[in-house]
Each structure stands twice: as C-alpha cells, then as structure tokens.
Amino acid sequence: MTASNILAIDAGTTGLTALIVTKQGKIAARGYEESHQHFPQPGWVEHAPEEIWQATLSATQKCLEAWGGDLDDLAGIGITNQRETVVLWDRETLGSPRKAIVWQDRRTADICTELKAQESKLGLVSSPGYALIHISQHRSWSGWRVMSPTHGPWWSKGVMPSARSTPI
C-alpha cells in the first residue's frame, strides 16, 4: 500500500490545529489545542516555546486518535506557522532561554518609526512585527548556537530527532 495521507500542522497565534488530509483533499481527522499568549508589558506579546511544543504534541495526538489510521499511511508532515514570531533556541538541546516574541509585539515600534524615512533605501516597509527588527535589537542573543526567526525549523528538529545534530 502506498502512503496517501498528510499530517498537516497549523500553528496559529492562539492555538495549534492538526489535520489528517486525504489524497482527495478531504479532512479525515482534526485535533486542536489552545496555546497561551503572555503579555509582560503593554504592547509586548510572547509565547513560551515549550508550551507551543506541548500544544503541538497534544493537537497531533488528538488528531491521530480521531483518525485511527496506520502511521505507515502517512506520506508526510506539513507545518505552517507564524512567519514573524522570533524563537531563540539551542540546536543541540532545543531549549530556549526566553519566551518567543510574537509577530503582534510592538516593542520595536519606535525603531520602525525611525526607519520609515529610509524605507525607499531599504526596499521594504518596516513593521514592528518583522522578525529581523526584533533580532537586531537583541545582541545578547549572539552567544546562542541557533537563532531562528520562525517556529518551523525548531519544530522540524523536534519532529525529526535525527536532525538534531545537523546544523541548520
């Protein structure tokens, strides 16, 4: 038998959805787990990476249990996530020294206002939600082995343990 289903994981801002999608594009099963947002100061929005990971595992388990199919019938896993949420993590341990900065976070709004005058030179419109602007403001993160502006590579390392020793 040829594997014909896909496990699709969607990490949204407030929750994780896992789906089994058939070859025909039908949803065969669904699992959902809410994830929490943290607001340490006005305008700041953060996620705890370990909470996101646990919500991913929970939503996936619920989905697989609802499906009841054979794991050998999964042709692959697709992940979509919040592109501009910044997650700092260690490539060997997958640990994170701090909460992730969510795309909704406004702590770099003043910097973006300053950059507005240079937008024509930069070629893009600055926004407080852009990961690159957050990363540029956290030089203390430079000692970490990996810094990723998205959850995707971090999840991939968790899903594929053999990739843990592979540099990104």
N, C-alpha and C. Protein backbone atom coordinates (compact mmCIF):
# COMPACT_ATOMS: atom_id res chain seq x y z
N MET A 1 0.84 -1.17 0.00
CA MET A 1 0.00 0.00 0.00
C MET A 1 0.89 1.24 0.00
N THR A 2 0.55 2.24 -0.79
CA THR A 2 1.27 3.49 -0.86
C THR A 2 0.66 4.47 0.13
N ALA A 3 1.53 5.12 0.91
CA ALA A 3 1.05 6.12 1.87
C ALA A 3 0.32 7.23 1.10
N SER A 4 -0.83 7.62 1.61
CA SER A 4 -1.63 8.58 0.85
C SER A 4 -2.19 9.74 1.66
N ASN A 5 -1.88 9.83 2.94
CA ASN A 5 -2.41 10.90 3.77
C ASN A 5 -1.29 11.82 4.25
N ILE A 6 -1.66 13.04 4.56
CA ILE A 6 -0.71 14.03 5.07
C ILE A 6 -1.17 14.47 6.45
N LEU A 7 -0.23 14.56 7.38
CA LEU A 7 -0.49 15.19 8.66
C LEU A 7 -0.12 16.66 8.48
N ALA A 8 -1.09 17.54 8.60
CA ALA A 8 -0.86 18.98 8.46
C ALA A 8 -0.98 19.64 9.82
N ILE A 9 0.02 20.42 10.21
CA ILE A 9 0.02 21.10 11.49
C ILE A 9 0.04 22.60 11.23
N ASP A 10 -0.96 23.30 11.77
CA ASP A 10 -1.06 24.75 11.62
C ASP A 10 -0.90 25.38 12.99
N ALA A 11 0.19 26.11 13.17
CA ALA A 11 0.43 26.80 14.43
C ALA A 11 -0.03 28.23 14.30
N GLY A 12 -1.19 28.50 14.84
CA GLY A 12 -1.72 29.85 14.80
C GLY A 12 -1.30 30.63 16.03
N THR A 13 -1.71 31.85 16.10
CA THR A 13 -1.33 32.72 17.21
C THR A 13 -1.94 32.26 18.53
N THR A 14 -3.12 31.69 18.49
CA THR A 14 -3.79 31.30 19.73
C THR A 14 -4.03 29.81 19.87
N GLY A 15 -3.60 29.01 18.89
CA GLY A 15 -3.80 27.58 19.01
C GLY A 15 -3.16 26.80 17.89
N LEU A 16 -3.07 25.49 18.12
CA LEU A 16 -2.48 24.55 17.17
C LEU A 16 -3.55 23.63 16.65
N THR A 17 -3.61 23.46 15.33
CA THR A 17 -4.54 22.55 14.70
C THR A 17 -3.74 21.50 13.95
N ALA A 18 -4.11 20.26 14.13
CA ALA A 18 -3.51 19.16 13.38
C ALA A 18 -4.62 18.49 12.58
N LEU A 19 -4.33 18.22 11.31
CA LEU A 19 -5.31 17.60 10.42
C LEU A 19 -4.69 16.40 9.72
N ILE A 20 -5.50 15.39 9.46
CA ILE A 20 -5.13 14.35 8.50
C ILE A 20 -5.89 14.70 7.23
N VAL A 21 -5.13 14.92 6.16
CA VAL A 21 -5.72 15.29 4.87
C VAL A 21 -5.50 14.12 3.92
N THR A 22 -6.59 13.66 3.29
CA THR A 22 -6.51 12.52 2.38
C THR A 22 -5.95 12.94 1.01
N LYS A 23 -5.65 11.96 0.21
CA LYS A 23 -5.17 12.19 -1.15
C LYS A 23 -6.18 13.00 -1.96
N GLN A 24 -7.45 12.88 -1.61
CA GLN A 24 -8.51 13.60 -2.30
C GLN A 24 -8.72 15.01 -1.74
N GLY A 25 -7.93 15.38 -0.74
CA GLY A 25 -8.04 16.71 -0.15
C GLY A 25 -9.10 16.83 0.93
N LYS A 26 -9.65 15.72 1.37
CA LYS A 26 -10.67 15.73 2.43
C LYS A 26 -10.00 15.67 3.80
N ILE A 27 -10.63 16.31 4.77
CA ILE A 27 -10.13 16.25 6.15
C ILE A 27 -10.69 14.99 6.80
N ALA A 28 -9.77 14.07 7.14
CA ALA A 28 -10.17 12.79 7.73
C ALA A 28 -10.23 12.87 9.25
N ALA A 29 -9.46 13.76 9.86
CA ALA A 29 -9.46 13.91 11.32
C ALA A 29 -8.87 15.26 11.68
N ARG A 30 -9.23 15.71 12.88
CA ARG A 30 -8.76 17.03 13.36
C ARG A 30 -8.48 16.95 14.85
N GLY A 31 -7.44 17.66 15.27
CA GLY A 31 -7.13 17.84 16.68
C GLY A 31 -6.78 19.30 16.91
N TYR A 32 -7.13 19.83 18.07
CA TYR A 32 -6.86 21.24 18.35
C TYR A 32 -6.42 21.38 19.80
N GLU A 33 -5.48 22.29 20.02
CA GLU A 33 -5.06 22.63 21.37
C GLU A 33 -4.76 24.12 21.42
N GLU A 34 -5.34 24.78 22.39
CA GLU A 34 -5.10 26.22 22.55
C GLU A 34 -3.67 26.45 23.03
N SER A 35 -3.09 27.56 22.62
CA SER A 35 -1.79 27.98 23.16
C SER A 35 -1.96 29.36 23.79
N HIS A 36 -1.18 29.61 24.80
CA HIS A 36 -1.36 30.84 25.57
C HIS A 36 -0.43 31.94 25.09
N GLN A 37 -0.93 33.14 25.17
CA GLN A 37 -0.11 34.31 24.89
C GLN A 37 0.23 34.96 26.24
N HIS A 38 1.43 35.54 26.29
CA HIS A 38 1.89 36.21 27.51
C HIS A 38 2.10 37.68 27.18
N PHE A 39 1.68 38.55 28.09
CA PHE A 39 1.75 39.99 27.89
C PHE A 39 2.53 40.62 29.06
N PRO A 40 3.88 40.54 29.03
CA PRO A 40 4.66 41.02 30.17
C PRO A 40 4.63 42.53 30.36
N GLN A 41 4.37 43.27 29.29
CA GLN A 41 4.25 44.73 29.35
C GLN A 41 3.25 45.15 28.30
N PRO A 42 2.67 46.34 28.43
CA PRO A 42 1.76 46.81 27.39
C PRO A 42 2.46 46.82 26.02
N GLY A 43 1.80 46.24 25.03
CA GLY A 43 2.34 46.20 23.68
C GLY A 43 3.26 45.02 23.40
N TRP A 44 3.64 44.27 24.41
CA TRP A 44 4.51 43.11 24.23
C TRP A 44 3.64 41.86 24.18
N VAL A 45 3.97 40.96 23.24
CA VAL A 45 3.24 39.70 23.11
C VAL A 45 4.27 38.59 22.95
N GLU A 46 4.18 37.57 23.82
CA GLU A 46 5.15 36.49 23.81
C GLU A 46 4.46 35.13 23.92
N HIS A 47 5.17 34.11 23.46
CA HIS A 47 4.76 32.71 23.62
C HIS A 47 5.90 31.96 24.29
N ALA A 48 5.56 30.98 25.09
CA ALA A 48 6.57 30.10 25.68
C ALA A 48 6.79 28.94 24.69
N PRO A 49 8.01 28.82 24.13
CA PRO A 49 8.25 27.76 23.13
C PRO A 49 7.87 26.36 23.61
N GLU A 50 8.16 26.01 24.85
CA GLU A 50 7.82 24.67 25.32
C GLU A 50 6.31 24.47 25.36
N GLU A 51 5.54 25.52 25.69
CA GLU A 51 4.08 25.43 25.67
C GLU A 51 3.59 25.19 24.24
N ILE A 52 4.22 25.85 23.28
CA ILE A 52 3.84 25.65 21.87
C ILE A 52 4.13 24.20 21.47
N TRP A 53 5.29 23.70 21.86
CA TRP A 53 5.65 22.32 21.52
C TRP A 53 4.66 21.33 22.14
N GLN A 54 4.32 21.53 23.42
CA GLN A 54 3.38 20.63 24.09
C GLN A 54 1.99 20.72 23.44
N ALA A 55 1.56 21.91 23.05
CA ALA A 55 0.28 22.06 22.36
C ALA A 55 0.32 21.36 21.01
N THR A 56 1.47 21.41 20.34
CA THR A 56 1.63 20.71 19.05
C THR A 56 1.48 19.21 19.26
N LEU A 57 2.16 18.68 20.27
CA LEU A 57 2.07 17.24 20.55
C LEU A 57 0.64 16.84 20.90
N SER A 58 -0.03 17.65 21.72
CA SER A 58 -1.40 17.35 22.13
C SER A 58 -2.37 17.38 20.95
N ALA A 59 -2.30 18.43 20.13
CA ALA A 59 -3.19 18.53 18.96
C ALA A 59 -2.94 17.36 18.00
N THR A 60 -1.67 17.00 17.82
CA THR A 60 -1.33 15.90 16.92
C THR A 60 -1.86 14.58 17.47
N GLN A 61 -1.68 14.36 18.76
CA GLN A 61 -2.18 13.12 19.37
C GLN A 61 -3.70 13.03 19.23
N LYS A 62 -4.41 14.12 19.51
CA LYS A 62 -5.87 14.12 19.37
C LYS A 62 -6.28 13.80 17.94
N CYS A 63 -5.56 14.38 16.99
CA CYS A 63 -5.86 14.15 15.58
C CYS A 63 -5.65 12.69 15.21
N LEU A 64 -4.49 12.15 15.59
CA LEU A 64 -4.18 10.76 15.24
C LEU A 64 -5.15 9.78 15.90
N GLU A 65 -5.55 10.06 17.15
CA GLU A 65 -6.53 9.21 17.82
C GLU A 65 -7.88 9.27 17.12
N ALA A 66 -8.29 10.47 16.70
CA ALA A 66 -9.57 10.61 15.99
C ALA A 66 -9.52 9.90 14.65
N TRP A 67 -8.38 9.92 14.02
CA TRP A 67 -8.22 9.27 12.71
C TRP A 67 -8.24 7.76 12.85
N GLY A 68 -7.45 7.23 13.77
CA GLY A 68 -7.40 5.79 13.98
C GLY A 68 -6.70 5.02 12.87
N GLY A 69 -6.03 5.71 11.98
CA GLY A 69 -5.35 5.05 10.86
C GLY A 69 -3.98 4.54 11.22
N ASP A 70 -3.33 3.96 10.25
CA ASP A 70 -1.99 3.40 10.40
C ASP A 70 -0.97 4.48 10.08
N LEU A 71 0.01 4.67 10.96
CA LEU A 71 1.03 5.69 10.73
C LEU A 71 1.80 5.46 9.43
N ASP A 72 1.85 4.21 8.98
CA ASP A 72 2.51 3.91 7.71
C ASP A 72 1.74 4.50 6.53
N ASP A 73 0.51 4.92 6.76
CA ASP A 73 -0.29 5.52 5.68
C ASP A 73 -0.12 7.06 5.64
N LEU A 74 0.85 7.57 6.38
CA LEU A 74 1.17 8.99 6.31
C LEU A 74 2.33 9.19 5.33
N ALA A 75 2.07 9.95 4.29
CA ALA A 75 3.10 10.20 3.28
C ALA A 75 4.03 11.33 3.70
N GLY A 76 3.59 12.18 4.63
CA GLY A 76 4.43 13.29 5.05
C GLY A 76 3.74 14.16 6.08
N ILE A 77 4.50 15.15 6.53
CA ILE A 77 4.01 16.11 7.51
C ILE A 77 4.25 17.50 6.95
N GLY A 78 3.23 18.34 6.99
CA GLY A 78 3.37 19.73 6.58
C GLY A 78 3.15 20.64 7.77
N ILE A 79 3.98 21.67 7.89
CA ILE A 79 3.87 22.61 9.01
C ILE A 79 3.73 24.02 8.47
N THR A 80 2.75 24.74 8.99
CA THR A 80 2.64 26.16 8.69
C THR A 80 2.60 26.89 10.03
N ASN A 81 3.17 28.08 10.05
CA ASN A 81 3.28 28.77 11.33
C ASN A 81 3.30 30.27 11.16
N GLN A 82 3.49 30.94 12.28
CA GLN A 82 3.58 32.40 12.32
C GLN A 82 4.96 32.79 11.81
N ARG A 83 5.04 33.27 10.63
CA ARG A 83 6.33 33.53 9.99
C ARG A 83 7.22 34.51 10.74
N GLU A 84 6.66 35.46 11.40
CA GLU A 84 7.48 36.52 12.00
C GLU A 84 7.63 36.41 13.52
N THR A 85 7.24 35.30 14.10
CA THR A 85 7.47 35.10 15.52
C THR A 85 8.90 34.63 15.71
N VAL A 86 9.64 35.30 16.61
CA VAL A 86 11.06 35.01 16.82
C VAL A 86 11.21 34.00 17.95
N VAL A 87 11.86 32.87 17.65
CA VAL A 87 12.15 31.86 18.65
C VAL A 87 13.66 31.67 18.69
N LEU A 88 14.24 31.89 19.85
CA LEU A 88 15.66 31.66 20.06
C LEU A 88 15.81 30.29 20.70
N TRP A 89 16.67 29.44 20.13
CA TRP A 89 16.80 28.10 20.67
C TRP A 89 18.18 27.54 20.43
N ASP A 90 18.52 26.54 21.22
CA ASP A 90 19.81 25.87 21.14
C ASP A 90 19.65 24.65 20.24
N ARG A 91 20.48 24.55 19.23
CA ARG A 91 20.36 23.49 18.24
C ARG A 91 20.56 22.09 18.83
N GLU A 92 21.32 21.97 19.91
CA GLU A 92 21.55 20.65 20.49
C GLU A 92 20.48 20.23 21.48
N THR A 93 20.02 21.15 22.31
CA THR A 93 19.07 20.79 23.36
C THR A 93 17.63 21.13 23.01
N LEU A 94 17.43 22.00 22.02
CA LEU A 94 16.14 22.58 21.65
C LEU A 94 15.58 23.49 22.72
N GLY A 95 16.36 23.74 23.78
CA GLY A 95 15.93 24.64 24.84
C GLY A 95 15.94 26.08 24.38
N SER A 96 15.12 26.88 25.03
CA SER A 96 15.05 28.30 24.71
C SER A 96 15.27 29.11 25.99
N PRO A 97 16.12 30.13 25.95
CA PRO A 97 16.40 30.90 27.16
C PRO A 97 15.32 31.93 27.51
N ARG A 98 14.36 32.12 26.61
CA ARG A 98 13.35 33.15 26.84
C ARG A 98 12.10 32.83 26.03
N LYS A 99 11.06 33.57 26.28
CA LYS A 99 9.83 33.40 25.50
C LYS A 99 10.04 33.94 24.09
N ALA A 100 9.28 33.39 23.15
CA ALA A 100 9.31 33.85 21.76
C ALA A 100 8.62 35.21 21.67
N ILE A 101 9.12 36.05 20.78
CA ILE A 101 8.48 37.34 20.52
C ILE A 101 7.51 37.15 19.36
N VAL A 102 6.23 37.35 19.62
CA VAL A 102 5.15 37.10 18.66
C VAL A 102 5.06 38.25 17.66
N TRP A 103 4.62 37.94 16.48
CA TRP A 103 4.51 38.92 15.39
C TRP A 103 3.68 40.14 15.77
N GLN A 104 2.79 40.01 16.73
CA GLN A 104 1.94 41.12 17.14
C GLN A 104 2.64 42.11 18.07
N ASP A 105 3.81 41.75 18.56
CA ASP A 105 4.55 42.53 19.53
C ASP A 105 4.91 43.91 18.96
N ARG A 106 4.80 44.92 19.77
CA ARG A 106 5.02 46.30 19.31
C ARG A 106 6.27 46.93 19.92
N ARG A 107 7.14 46.17 20.57
CA ARG A 107 8.27 46.79 21.28
C ARG A 107 9.26 47.50 20.36
N THR A 108 9.25 47.21 19.08
CA THR A 108 10.18 47.89 18.16
C THR A 108 9.48 48.99 17.35
N ALA A 109 8.32 49.42 17.78
CA ALA A 109 7.57 50.44 17.03
C ALA A 109 8.36 51.73 16.86
N ASP A 110 9.08 52.17 17.90
CA ASP A 110 9.86 53.40 17.78
C ASP A 110 10.97 53.28 16.73
N ILE A 111 11.61 52.13 16.69
CA ILE A 111 12.66 51.89 15.69
C ILE A 111 12.06 51.93 14.29
N CYS A 112 10.90 51.34 14.13
CA CYS A 112 10.23 51.34 12.81
C CYS A 112 9.87 52.76 12.38
N THR A 113 9.48 53.58 13.34
CA THR A 113 9.18 54.97 13.00
C THR A 113 10.44 55.65 12.47
N GLU A 114 11.58 55.39 13.10
CA GLU A 114 12.85 55.95 12.63
C GLU A 114 13.21 55.42 11.23
N LEU A 115 12.91 54.16 10.98
CA LEU A 115 13.26 53.55 9.68
C LEU A 115 12.36 54.03 8.53
N LYS A 116 11.20 54.56 8.86
CA LYS A 116 10.26 54.99 7.81
C LYS A 116 10.93 55.95 6.83
N ALA A 117 11.81 56.80 7.33
CA ALA A 117 12.50 57.76 6.46
C ALA A 117 13.44 57.06 5.48
N GLN A 118 13.83 55.84 5.82
CA GLN A 118 14.78 55.11 4.97
C GLN A 118 14.13 54.00 4.15
N GLU A 119 12.82 53.88 4.19
CA GLU A 119 12.14 52.76 3.53
C GLU A 119 12.47 52.66 2.05
N SER A 120 12.58 53.79 1.36
CA SER A 120 12.87 53.71 -0.07
C SER A 120 14.25 53.13 -0.31
N LYS A 121 15.18 53.33 0.62
CA LYS A 121 16.52 52.76 0.50
C LYS A 121 16.53 51.28 0.85
N LEU A 122 15.69 50.89 1.82
CA LEU A 122 15.67 49.51 2.29
C LEU A 122 14.93 48.58 1.33
N GLY A 123 13.95 49.10 0.62
CA GLY A 123 13.19 48.27 -0.30
C GLY A 123 12.05 47.51 0.34
N LEU A 124 11.77 47.76 1.61
CA LEU A 124 10.61 47.13 2.24
C LEU A 124 10.05 48.08 3.28
N VAL A 125 8.82 47.85 3.62
CA VAL A 125 8.15 48.68 4.62
C VAL A 125 8.45 48.09 5.98
N SER A 126 8.94 48.90 6.90
CA SER A 126 9.26 48.38 8.23
C SER A 126 7.98 48.22 9.04
N SER A 127 7.98 47.21 9.89
CA SER A 127 6.84 46.93 10.76
C SER A 127 7.37 46.38 12.07
N PRO A 128 6.77 46.76 13.20
CA PRO A 128 7.21 46.22 14.49
C PRO A 128 7.10 44.69 14.56
N GLY A 129 6.30 44.09 13.70
CA GLY A 129 6.14 42.64 13.72
C GLY A 129 7.21 41.87 12.98
N TYR A 130 8.09 42.54 12.24
CA TYR A 130 9.10 41.84 11.45
C TYR A 130 10.19 41.26 12.35
N ALA A 131 10.47 40.00 12.16
CA ALA A 131 11.45 39.30 12.97
C ALA A 131 12.83 39.94 12.90
N LEU A 132 13.26 40.37 11.74
CA LEU A 132 14.59 40.93 11.59
C LEU A 132 14.80 42.14 12.50
N ILE A 133 13.77 42.95 12.65
CA ILE A 133 13.89 44.13 13.51
C ILE A 133 14.02 43.70 14.97
N HIS A 134 13.27 42.68 15.38
CA HIS A 134 13.40 42.17 16.75
C HIS A 134 14.79 41.60 16.97
N ILE A 135 15.27 40.81 16.04
CA ILE A 135 16.58 40.18 16.18
C ILE A 135 17.67 41.24 16.29
N SER A 136 17.58 42.29 15.50
CA SER A 136 18.61 43.32 15.52
C SER A 136 18.70 44.03 16.86
N GLN A 137 17.66 43.99 17.65
CA GLN A 137 17.64 44.67 18.94
C GLN A 137 18.09 43.79 20.10
N HIS A 138 18.43 42.55 19.83
CA HIS A 138 18.80 41.63 20.91
C HIS A 138 20.19 41.06 20.67
N ARG A 139 21.18 41.91 20.78
CA ARG A 139 22.56 41.49 20.57
C ARG A 139 22.99 40.46 21.60
N SER A 140 22.35 40.43 22.77
CA SER A 140 22.70 39.46 23.81
C SER A 140 22.41 38.03 23.36
N TRP A 141 21.63 37.88 22.30
CA TRP A 141 21.31 36.55 21.81
C TRP A 141 22.45 35.95 21.01
N SER A 142 23.49 36.71 20.71
CA SER A 142 24.53 36.26 19.79
C SER A 142 25.29 35.04 20.28
N GLY A 143 25.29 34.75 21.57
CA GLY A 143 26.02 33.59 22.07
C GLY A 143 25.32 32.27 21.85
N TRP A 144 24.10 32.29 21.37
CA TRP A 144 23.37 31.05 21.17
C TRP A 144 23.73 30.40 19.86
N ARG A 145 23.65 29.10 19.80
CA ARG A 145 24.08 28.34 18.63
C ARG A 145 23.18 28.52 17.43
N VAL A 146 21.89 28.74 17.67
CA VAL A 146 20.96 28.93 16.56
C VAL A 146 19.93 29.97 16.96
N MET A 147 19.62 30.83 16.07
CA MET A 147 18.50 31.75 16.29
C MET A 147 17.65 31.66 15.04
N SER A 148 16.40 31.39 15.20
CA SER A 148 15.52 31.24 14.06
C SER A 148 14.41 32.25 14.13
N PRO A 149 14.12 32.95 13.04
CA PRO A 149 13.02 33.90 13.08
C PRO A 149 11.65 33.25 12.96
N THR A 150 11.60 31.93 12.90
CA THR A 150 10.30 31.27 12.82
C THR A 150 10.30 30.01 13.67
N HIS A 151 9.10 29.48 13.90
CA HIS A 151 8.96 28.21 14.61
C HIS A 151 9.33 27.01 13.75
N GLY A 152 9.20 27.14 12.43
CA GLY A 152 9.35 26.00 11.52
C GLY A 152 10.60 25.16 11.74
N PRO A 153 11.80 25.73 11.68
CA PRO A 153 13.00 24.92 11.88
C PRO A 153 13.05 24.28 13.26
N TRP A 154 12.56 25.00 14.28
CA TRP A 154 12.56 24.47 15.64
C TRP A 154 11.66 23.24 15.73
N TRP A 155 10.44 23.33 15.13
CA TRP A 155 9.55 22.17 15.13
C TRP A 155 10.16 21.02 14.37
N SER A 156 10.76 21.32 13.22
CA SER A 156 11.35 20.26 12.40
C SER A 156 12.38 19.48 13.20
N LYS A 157 13.16 20.18 14.00
CA LYS A 157 14.15 19.49 14.82
C LYS A 157 13.47 18.59 15.85
N GLY A 158 12.35 19.02 16.40
CA GLY A 158 11.64 18.21 17.38
C GLY A 158 10.97 17.00 16.75
N VAL A 159 10.45 17.17 15.54
CA VAL A 159 9.74 16.09 14.86
C VAL A 159 10.73 15.05 14.32
N MET A 160 11.90 15.51 13.90
CA MET A 160 12.90 14.61 13.32
C MET A 160 14.14 14.58 14.20
N PRO A 161 14.15 13.75 15.27
CA PRO A 161 15.28 13.75 16.20
C PRO A 161 16.63 13.52 15.54
N SER A 162 16.69 12.78 14.45
CA SER A 162 17.97 12.55 13.79
C SER A 162 18.53 13.84 13.24
N ALA A 163 17.69 14.84 13.05
CA ALA A 163 18.16 16.13 12.53
C ALA A 163 18.78 16.99 13.61
N ARG A 164 18.66 16.56 14.86
CA ARG A 164 19.18 17.38 15.97
C ARG A 164 20.67 17.66 15.86
N SER A 165 21.43 16.77 15.30
CA SER A 165 22.85 17.00 15.20
C SER A 165 23.24 17.64 13.88
N THR A 166 22.28 17.90 13.04
CA THR A 166 22.55 18.50 11.74
C THR A 166 22.45 20.02 11.84
N PRO A 167 23.54 20.73 11.53
CA PRO A 167 23.46 22.21 11.57
C PRO A 167 22.45 22.74 10.58
N ILE A 168 21.81 23.81 10.96
CA ILE A 168 20.86 24.46 10.05
C ILE A 168 21.56 25.59 9.36
